[in-house]
Amino acid sequence: MNNKVFIVVEVPLIEEKYEVYIPIGKKIHKVAMILSKAVSELSGGHYPIKENPMLYSKMTGKPYNINMTVKDTDIRNGTEIILI
């Protein structure tokens, strides 16, 4: 799985965490949309799909640039991110 990284996504709105693999070649905006839809499905609709979901670093609290690809960020295997 050289083209994916394993991350932990924390979703404060529903107080849940999910362990997922995300593609390293996709832009953060696209990954955030995919995660938003997946979390909505996994939570049985408790998490509403957002038009512009944002991903934040759990370590720094800073948002990820939506125009960067995953491989161009500090996201690596085991990284914890926050989906808002």
PDB file of N, CA and C in Angstrom:
ATOM      1  N   MET A   1       0.831  -1.197   0.000  1.00  0.00           N
ATOM      2  CA  MET A   1       0.000   0.000   0.000  1.00  0.00           C
ATOM      3  C   MET A   1       0.865   1.246   0.000  1.00  0.00           C
ATOM      4  N   ASN A   2       1.713   1.373  -0.969  1.00  0.00           N
ATOM      5  CA  ASN A   2       2.596   2.528  -1.052  1.00  0.00           C
ATOM      6  C   ASN A   2       1.865   3.803  -1.428  1.00  0.00           C
ATOM      7  N   ASN A   3       0.666   3.685  -1.946  1.00  0.00           N
ATOM      8  CA  ASN A   3      -0.060   4.874  -2.373  1.00  0.00           C
ATOM      9  C   ASN A   3      -1.126   5.314  -1.368  1.00  0.00           C
ATOM     10  N   LYS A   4      -1.092   4.733  -0.165  1.00  0.00           N
ATOM     11  CA  LYS A   4      -2.056   5.103   0.876  1.00  0.00           C
ATOM     12  C   LYS A   4      -1.359   5.219   2.224  1.00  0.00           C
ATOM     13  N   VAL A   5      -1.949   6.030   3.110  1.00  0.00           N
ATOM     14  CA  VAL A   5      -1.448   6.130   4.483  1.00  0.00           C
ATOM     15  C   VAL A   5      -2.584   5.819   5.448  1.00  0.00           C
ATOM     16  N   PHE A   6      -2.221   5.243   6.572  1.00  0.00           N
ATOM     17  CA  PHE A   6      -3.173   4.875   7.615  1.00  0.00           C
ATOM     18  C   PHE A   6      -3.262   6.032   8.600  1.00  0.00           C
ATOM     19  N   ILE A   7      -4.467   6.561   8.808  1.00  0.00           N
ATOM     20  CA  ILE A   7      -4.655   7.690   9.726  1.00  0.00           C
ATOM     21  C   ILE A   7      -5.804   7.412  10.684  1.00  0.00           C
ATOM     22  N   VAL A   8      -5.867   8.234  11.718  1.00  0.00           N
ATOM     23  CA  VAL A   8      -6.984   8.199  12.656  1.00  0.00           C
ATOM     24  C   VAL A   8      -7.716   9.524  12.494  1.00  0.00           C
ATOM     25  N   VAL A   9      -9.007   9.438  12.185  1.00  0.00           N
ATOM     26  CA  VAL A   9      -9.831  10.627  11.994  1.00  0.00           C
ATOM     27  C   VAL A   9     -10.727  10.800  13.211  1.00  0.00           C
ATOM     28  N   GLU A  10     -10.581  11.928  13.877  1.00  0.00           N
ATOM     29  CA  GLU A  10     -11.421  12.245  15.029  1.00  0.00           C
ATOM     30  C   GLU A  10     -12.516  13.193  14.555  1.00  0.00           C
ATOM     31  N   VAL A  11     -13.758  12.893  14.939  1.00  0.00           N
ATOM     32  CA  VAL A  11     -14.898  13.717  14.539  1.00  0.00           C
ATOM     33  C   VAL A  11     -15.574  14.235  15.809  1.00  0.00           C
ATOM     34  N   PRO A  12     -15.206  15.453  16.247  1.00  0.00           N
ATOM     35  CA  PRO A  12     -15.743  15.987  17.506  1.00  0.00           C
ATOM     36  C   PRO A  12     -17.269  16.120  17.533  1.00  0.00           C
ATOM     37  N   LEU A  13     -17.877  16.402  16.394  1.00  0.00           N
ATOM     38  CA  LEU A  13     -19.320  16.602  16.330  1.00  0.00           C
ATOM     39  C   LEU A  13     -20.094  15.390  16.836  1.00  0.00           C
ATOM     40  N   ILE A  14     -19.586  14.200  16.553  1.00  0.00           N
ATOM     41  CA  ILE A  14     -20.271  12.982  16.989  1.00  0.00           C
ATOM     42  C   ILE A  14     -19.452  12.193  18.007  1.00  0.00           C
ATOM     43  N   GLU A  15     -18.349  12.778  18.448  1.00  0.00           N
ATOM     44  CA  GLU A  15     -17.477  12.170  19.456  1.00  0.00           C
ATOM     45  C   GLU A  15     -17.057  10.750  19.076  1.00  0.00           C
ATOM     46  N   GLU A  16     -16.559  10.608  17.870  1.00  0.00           N
ATOM     47  CA  GLU A  16     -16.110   9.302  17.367  1.00  0.00           C
ATOM     48  C   GLU A  16     -14.734   9.431  16.735  1.00  0.00           C
ATOM     49  N   LYS A  17     -14.047   8.282  16.623  1.00  0.00           N
ATOM     50  CA  LYS A  17     -12.768   8.181  15.926  1.00  0.00           C
ATOM     51  C   LYS A  17     -12.860   7.033  14.939  1.00  0.00           C
ATOM     52  N   TYR A  18     -12.225   7.205  13.797  1.00  0.00           N
ATOM     53  CA  TYR A  18     -12.215   6.167  12.767  1.00  0.00           C
ATOM     54  C   TYR A  18     -10.790   5.973  12.269  1.00  0.00           C
ATOM     55  N   GLU A  19     -10.418   4.736  12.032  1.00  0.00           N
ATOM     56  CA  GLU A  19      -9.115   4.412  11.465  1.00  0.00           C
ATOM     57  C   GLU A  19      -9.338   4.097   9.991  1.00  0.00           C
ATOM     58  N   VAL A  20      -8.642   4.838   9.127  1.00  0.00           N
ATOM     59  CA  VAL A  20      -8.857   4.691   7.685  1.00  0.00           C
ATOM     60  C   VAL A  20      -7.543   4.819   6.918  1.00  0.00           C
ATOM     61  N   TYR A  21      -7.567   4.343   5.691  1.00  0.00           N
ATOM     62  CA  TYR A  21      -6.476   4.548   4.754  1.00  0.00           C
ATOM     63  C   TYR A  21      -6.928   5.624   3.779  1.00  0.00           C
ATOM     64  N   ILE A  22      -6.043   6.582   3.488  1.00  0.00           N
ATOM     65  CA  ILE A  22      -6.366   7.620   2.505  1.00  0.00           C
ATOM     66  C   ILE A  22      -5.284   7.632   1.426  1.00  0.00           C
ATOM     67  N   PRO A  23      -5.660   7.986   0.193  1.00  0.00           N
ATOM     68  CA  PRO A  23      -4.687   8.026  -0.906  1.00  0.00           C
ATOM     69  C   PRO A  23      -3.763   9.236  -0.780  1.00  0.00           C
ATOM     70  N   ILE A  24      -2.475   9.031  -1.026  1.00  0.00           N
ATOM     71  CA  ILE A  24      -1.519  10.130  -0.870  1.00  0.00           C
ATOM     72  C   ILE A  24      -1.494  11.074  -2.070  1.00  0.00           C
ATOM     73  N   GLY A  25      -2.051  10.658  -3.183  1.00  0.00           N
ATOM     74  CA  GLY A  25      -2.006  11.478  -4.390  1.00  0.00           C
ATOM     75  C   GLY A  25      -3.170  12.441  -4.550  1.00  0.00           C
ATOM     76  N   LYS A  26      -4.148  12.373  -3.670  1.00  0.00           N
ATOM     77  CA  LYS A  26      -5.337  13.240  -3.774  1.00  0.00           C
ATOM     78  C   LYS A  26      -5.136  14.519  -2.985  1.00  0.00           C
ATOM     79  N   LYS A  27      -5.830  15.573  -3.418  1.00  0.00           N
ATOM     80  CA  LYS A  27      -5.778  16.849  -2.702  1.00  0.00           C
ATOM     81  C   LYS A  27      -6.578  16.742  -1.401  1.00  0.00           C
ATOM     82  N   ILE A  28      -6.165  17.525  -0.423  1.00  0.00           N
ATOM     83  CA  ILE A  28      -6.809  17.520   0.894  1.00  0.00           C
ATOM     84  C   ILE A  28      -8.311  17.775   0.781  1.00  0.00           C
ATOM     85  N   HIS A  29      -8.712  18.686  -0.093  1.00  0.00           N
ATOM     86  CA  HIS A  29     -10.145  18.980  -0.262  1.00  0.00           C
ATOM     87  C   HIS A  29     -10.910  17.719  -0.664  1.00  0.00           C
ATOM     88  N   LYS A  30     -10.366  16.965  -1.598  1.00  0.00           N
ATOM     89  CA  LYS A  30     -11.028  15.744  -2.078  1.00  0.00           C
ATOM     90  C   LYS A  30     -11.065  14.690  -0.960  1.00  0.00           C
ATOM     91  N   VAL A  31      -9.970  14.553  -0.226  1.00  0.00           N
ATOM     92  CA  VAL A  31      -9.913  13.600   0.879  1.00  0.00           C
ATOM     93  C   VAL A  31     -10.929  13.980   1.953  1.00  0.00           C
ATOM     94  N   ALA A  32     -11.050  15.277   2.245  1.00  0.00           N
ATOM     95  CA  ALA A  32     -12.016  15.736   3.251  1.00  0.00           C
ATOM     96  C   ALA A  32     -13.445  15.397   2.822  1.00  0.00           C
ATOM     97  N   MET A  33     -13.740  15.549   1.542  1.00  0.00           N
ATOM     98  CA  MET A  33     -15.076  15.204   1.034  1.00  0.00           C
ATOM     99  C   MET A  33     -15.333  13.699   1.166  1.00  0.00           C
ATOM    100  N   ILE A  34     -14.346  12.899   0.793  1.00  0.00           N
ATOM    101  CA  ILE A  34     -14.480  11.441   0.892  1.00  0.00           C
ATOM    102  C   ILE A  34     -14.696  11.028   2.351  1.00  0.00           C
ATOM    103  N   LEU A  35     -13.898  11.601   3.257  1.00  0.00           N
ATOM    104  CA  LEU A  35     -14.027  11.279   4.679  1.00  0.00           C
ATOM    105  C   LEU A  35     -15.376  11.718   5.237  1.00  0.00           C
ATOM    106  N   SER A  36     -15.849  12.872   4.811  1.00  0.00           N
ATOM    107  CA  SER A  36     -17.135  13.378   5.273  1.00  0.00           C
ATOM    108  C   SER A  36     -18.264  12.414   4.892  1.00  0.00           C
ATOM    109  N   LYS A  37     -18.234  11.952   3.655  1.00  0.00           N
ATOM    110  CA  LYS A  37     -19.255  11.012   3.194  1.00  0.00           C
ATOM    111  C   LYS A  37     -19.144   9.673   3.922  1.00  0.00           C
ATOM    112  N   ALA A  38     -17.908   9.202   4.102  1.00  0.00           N
ATOM    113  CA  ALA A  38     -17.700   7.922   4.777  1.00  0.00           C
ATOM    114  C   ALA A  38     -18.153   7.978   6.234  1.00  0.00           C
ATOM    115  N   VAL A  39     -17.809   9.050   6.932  1.00  0.00           N
ATOM    116  CA  VAL A  39     -18.206   9.188   8.337  1.00  0.00           C
ATOM    117  C   VAL A  39     -19.723   9.282   8.457  1.00  0.00           C
ATOM    118  N   SER A  40     -20.354   9.971   7.522  1.00  0.00           N
ATOM    119  CA  SER A  40     -21.810  10.067   7.534  1.00  0.00           C
ATOM    120  C   SER A  40     -22.438   8.670   7.412  1.00  0.00           C
ATOM    121  N   GLU A  41     -21.910   7.869   6.497  1.00  0.00           N
ATOM    122  CA  GLU A  41     -22.425   6.507   6.318  1.00  0.00           C
ATOM    123  C   GLU A  41     -22.140   5.633   7.537  1.00  0.00           C
ATOM    124  N   LEU A  42     -20.903   5.697   8.035  1.00  0.00           N
ATOM    125  CA  LEU A  42     -20.514   4.860   9.173  1.00  0.00           C
ATOM    126  C   LEU A  42     -21.259   5.225  10.455  1.00  0.00           C
ATOM    127  N   SER A  43     -21.655   6.498  10.569  1.00  0.00           N
ATOM    128  CA  SER A  43     -22.351   6.939  11.782  1.00  0.00           C
ATOM    129  C   SER A  43     -23.870   6.828  11.643  1.00  0.00           C
ATOM    130  N   GLY A  44     -24.329   6.250  10.558  1.00  0.00           N
ATOM    131  CA  GLY A  44     -25.766   6.113  10.352  1.00  0.00           C
ATOM    132  C   GLY A  44     -26.461   7.440  10.134  1.00  0.00           C
ATOM    133  N   GLY A  45     -25.733   8.410   9.586  1.00  0.00           N
ATOM    134  CA  GLY A  45     -26.309   9.718   9.287  1.00  0.00           C
ATOM    135  C   GLY A  45     -26.210  10.723  10.417  1.00  0.00           C
ATOM    136  N   HIS A  46     -25.566  10.348  11.523  1.00  0.00           N
ATOM    137  CA  HIS A  46     -25.424  11.287  12.652  1.00  0.00           C
ATOM    138  C   HIS A  46     -24.487  12.438  12.314  1.00  0.00           C
ATOM    139  N   TYR A  47     -23.547  12.192  11.396  1.00  0.00           N
ATOM    140  CA  TYR A  47     -22.662  13.251  10.929  1.00  0.00           C
ATOM    141  C   TYR A  47     -23.204  13.742   9.589  1.00  0.00           C
ATOM    142  N   PRO A  48     -23.663  15.000   9.523  1.00  0.00           N
ATOM    143  CA  PRO A  48     -24.188  15.508   8.253  1.00  0.00           C
ATOM    144  C   PRO A  48     -23.056  15.778   7.259  1.00  0.00           C
ATOM    145  N   ILE A  49     -23.253  15.401   6.013  1.00  0.00           N
ATOM    146  CA  ILE A  49     -22.253  15.670   4.972  1.00  0.00           C
ATOM    147  C   ILE A  49     -22.174  17.180   4.780  1.00  0.00           C
ATOM    148  N   LYS A  50     -20.965  17.716   4.881  1.00  0.00           N
ATOM    149  CA  LYS A  50     -20.773  19.155   4.766  1.00  0.00           C
ATOM    150  C   LYS A  50     -20.304  19.515   3.369  1.00  0.00           C
ATOM    151  N   GLU A  51     -20.640  20.734   2.952  1.00  0.00           N
ATOM    152  CA  GLU A  51     -20.247  21.207   1.631  1.00  0.00           C
ATOM    153  C   GLU A  51     -18.743  21.442   1.552  1.00  0.00           C
ATOM    154  N   ASN A  52     -18.160  21.996   2.611  1.00  0.00           N
ATOM    155  CA  ASN A  52     -16.723  22.277   2.644  1.00  0.00           C
ATOM    156  C   ASN A  52     -16.112  21.788   3.955  1.00  0.00           C
ATOM    157  N   PRO A  53     -15.982  20.471   4.115  1.00  0.00           N
ATOM    158  CA  PRO A  53     -15.381  19.965   5.351  1.00  0.00           C
ATOM    159  C   PRO A  53     -13.909  20.353   5.413  1.00  0.00           C
ATOM    160  N   MET A  54     -13.392  20.490   6.626  1.00  0.00           N
ATOM    161  CA  MET A  54     -11.993  20.871   6.825  1.00  0.00           C
ATOM    162  C   MET A  54     -11.286  19.800   7.643  1.00  0.00           C
ATOM    163  N   LEU A  55     -10.009  19.620   7.339  1.00  0.00           N
ATOM    164  CA  LEU A  55      -9.166  18.712   8.088  1.00  0.00           C
ATOM    165  C   LEU A  55      -8.122  19.516   8.846  1.00  0.00           C
ATOM    166  N   TYR A  56      -7.938  19.175  10.115  1.00  0.00           N
ATOM    167  CA  TYR A  56      -6.982  19.860  10.976  1.00  0.00           C
ATOM    168  C   TYR A  56      -6.005  18.847  11.558  1.00  0.00           C
ATOM    169  N   SER A  57      -4.799  19.273  11.781  1.00  0.00           N
ATOM    170  CA  SER A  57      -3.812  18.444  12.460  1.00  0.00           C
ATOM    171  C   SER A  57      -4.173  18.392  13.939  1.00  0.00           C
ATOM    172  N   LYS A  58      -4.266  17.216  14.502  1.00  0.00           N
ATOM    173  CA  LYS A  58      -4.575  17.109  15.925  1.00  0.00           C
ATOM    174  C   LYS A  58      -3.384  17.595  16.761  1.00  0.00           C
ATOM    175  N   MET A  59      -2.173  17.410  16.242  1.00  0.00           N
ATOM    176  CA  MET A  59      -0.980  17.791  16.977  1.00  0.00           C
ATOM    177  C   MET A  59      -0.809  19.313  17.061  1.00  0.00           C
ATOM    178  N   THR A  60      -1.038  20.014  15.935  1.00  0.00           N
ATOM    179  CA  THR A  60      -0.798  21.465  15.912  1.00  0.00           C
ATOM    180  C   THR A  60      -2.076  22.280  16.000  1.00  0.00           C
ATOM    181  N   GLY A  61      -3.204  21.686  15.624  1.00  0.00           N
ATOM    182  CA  GLY A  61      -4.466  22.418  15.602  1.00  0.00           C
ATOM    183  C   GLY A  61      -4.640  23.270  14.361  1.00  0.00           C
ATOM    184  N   LYS A  62      -3.679  23.213  13.455  1.00  0.00           N
ATOM    185  CA  LYS A  62      -3.736  24.031  12.246  1.00  0.00           C
ATOM    186  C   LYS A  62      -4.466  23.291  11.123  1.00  0.00           C
ATOM    187  N   PRO A  63      -5.195  24.045  10.292  1.00  0.00           N
ATOM    188  CA  PRO A  63      -5.887  23.412   9.168  1.00  0.00           C
ATOM    189  C   PRO A  63      -4.905  23.023   8.072  1.00  0.00           C
ATOM    190  N   TYR A  64      -5.246  21.968   7.357  1.00  0.00           N
ATOM    191  CA  TYR A  64      -4.446  21.573   6.200  1.00  0.00           C
ATOM    192  C   TYR A  64      -4.887  22.400   5.002  1.00  0.00           C
ATOM    193  N   ASN A  65      -3.930  22.784   4.176  1.00  0.00           N
ATOM    194  CA  ASN A  65      -4.206  23.534   2.950  1.00  0.00           C
ATOM    195  C   ASN A  65      -4.978  22.628   1.999  1.00  0.00           C
ATOM    196  N   ILE A  66      -6.184  23.047   1.623  1.00  0.00           N
ATOM    197  CA  ILE A  66      -7.053  22.202   0.800  1.00  0.00           C
ATOM    198  C   ILE A  66      -6.518  21.967  -0.606  1.00  0.00           C
ATOM    199  N   ASN A  67      -5.566  22.778  -1.046  1.00  0.00           N
ATOM    200  CA  ASN A  67      -5.019  22.643  -2.399  1.00  0.00           C
ATOM    201  C   ASN A  67      -3.778  21.770  -2.468  1.00  0.00           C
ATOM    202  N   MET A  68      -3.286  21.316  -1.318  1.00  0.00           N
ATOM    203  CA  MET A  68      -2.105  20.447  -1.298  1.00  0.00           C
ATOM    204  C   MET A  68      -2.531  18.988  -1.376  1.00  0.00           C
ATOM    205  N   THR A  69      -1.639  18.157  -1.920  1.00  0.00           N
ATOM    206  CA  THR A  69      -1.914  16.723  -1.903  1.00  0.00           C
ATOM    207  C   THR A  69      -1.458  16.176  -0.547  1.00  0.00           C
ATOM    208  N   VAL A  70      -1.982  15.021  -0.198  1.00  0.00           N
ATOM    209  CA  VAL A  70      -1.651  14.403   1.086  1.00  0.00           C
ATOM    210  C   VAL A  70      -0.140  14.212   1.209  1.00  0.00           C
ATOM    211  N   LYS A  71       0.514  13.772   0.133  1.00  0.00           N
ATOM    212  CA  LYS A  71       1.955  13.508   0.216  1.00  0.00           C
ATOM    213  C   LYS A  71       2.771  14.771   0.438  1.00  0.00           C
ATOM    214  N   ASP A  72       2.220  15.939   0.149  1.00  0.00           N
ATOM    215  CA  ASP A  72       2.927  17.202   0.344  1.00  0.00           C
ATOM    216  C   ASP A  72       2.675  17.812   1.728  1.00  0.00           C
ATOM    217  N   THR A  73       1.953  17.095   2.583  1.00  0.00           N
ATOM    218  CA  THR A  73       1.686  17.564   3.946  1.00  0.00           C
ATOM    219  C   THR A  73       2.499  16.719   4.925  1.00  0.00           C
ATOM    220  N   ASP A  74       2.264  16.923   6.216  1.00  0.00           N
ATOM    221  CA  ASP A  74       2.950  16.109   7.222  1.00  0.00           C
ATOM    222  C   ASP A  74       2.149  14.867   7.602  1.00  0.00           C
ATOM    223  N   ILE A  75       1.130  14.540   6.818  1.00  0.00           N
ATOM    224  CA  ILE A  75       0.315  13.353   7.097  1.00  0.00           C
ATOM    225  C   ILE A  75       1.095  12.104   6.706  1.00  0.00           C
ATOM    226  N   ARG A  76       1.316  11.248   7.691  1.00  0.00           N
ATOM    227  CA  ARG A  76       2.032   9.989   7.509  1.00  0.00           C
ATOM    228  C   ARG A  76       1.266   8.886   8.241  1.00  0.00           C
ATOM    229  N   ASN A  77       1.731   7.651   8.121  1.00  0.00           N
ATOM    230  CA  ASN A  77       1.072   6.552   8.825  1.00  0.00           C
ATOM    231  C   ASN A  77       0.974   6.867  10.310  1.00  0.00           C
ATOM    232  N   GLY A  78      -0.221   6.718  10.854  1.00  0.00           N
ATOM    233  CA  GLY A  78      -0.451   6.948  12.277  1.00  0.00           C
ATOM    234  C   GLY A  78      -0.843   8.368  12.642  1.00  0.00           C
ATOM    235  N   THR A  79      -0.846   9.279  11.667  1.00  0.00           N
ATOM    236  CA  THR A  79      -1.212  10.659  11.947  1.00  0.00           C
ATOM    237  C   THR A  79      -2.664  10.734  12.397  1.00  0.00           C
ATOM    238  N   GLU A  80      -2.918  11.585  13.394  1.00  0.00           N
ATOM    239  CA  GLU A  80      -4.285  11.828  13.856  1.00  0.00           C
ATOM    240  C   GLU A  80      -4.740  13.183  13.328  1.00  0.00           C
ATOM    241  N   ILE A  81      -5.887  13.174  12.659  1.00  0.00           N
ATOM    242  CA  ILE A  81      -6.445  14.419  12.131  1.00  0.00           C
ATOM    243  C   ILE A  81      -7.860  14.611  12.664  1.00  0.00           C
ATOM    244  N   ILE A  82      -8.322  15.838  12.554  1.00  0.00           N
ATOM    245  CA  ILE A  82      -9.672  16.186  13.022  1.00  0.00           C
ATOM    246  C   ILE A  82     -10.496  16.610  11.824  1.00  0.00           C
ATOM    247  N   LEU A  83     -11.695  16.060  11.700  1.00  0.00           N
ATOM    248  CA  LEU A  83     -12.629  16.409  10.623  1.00  0.00           C
ATOM    249  C   LEU A  83     -13.715  17.290  11.186  1.00  0.00           C
ATOM    250  N   ILE A  84     -13.818  18.492  10.627  1.00  0.00           N
ATOM    251  CA  ILE A  84     -14.857  19.430  11.058  1.00  0.00           C
ATOM    252  C   ILE A  84     -15.636  19.884   9.841  1.00  0.00           C
TER     253      ILE A  84
END
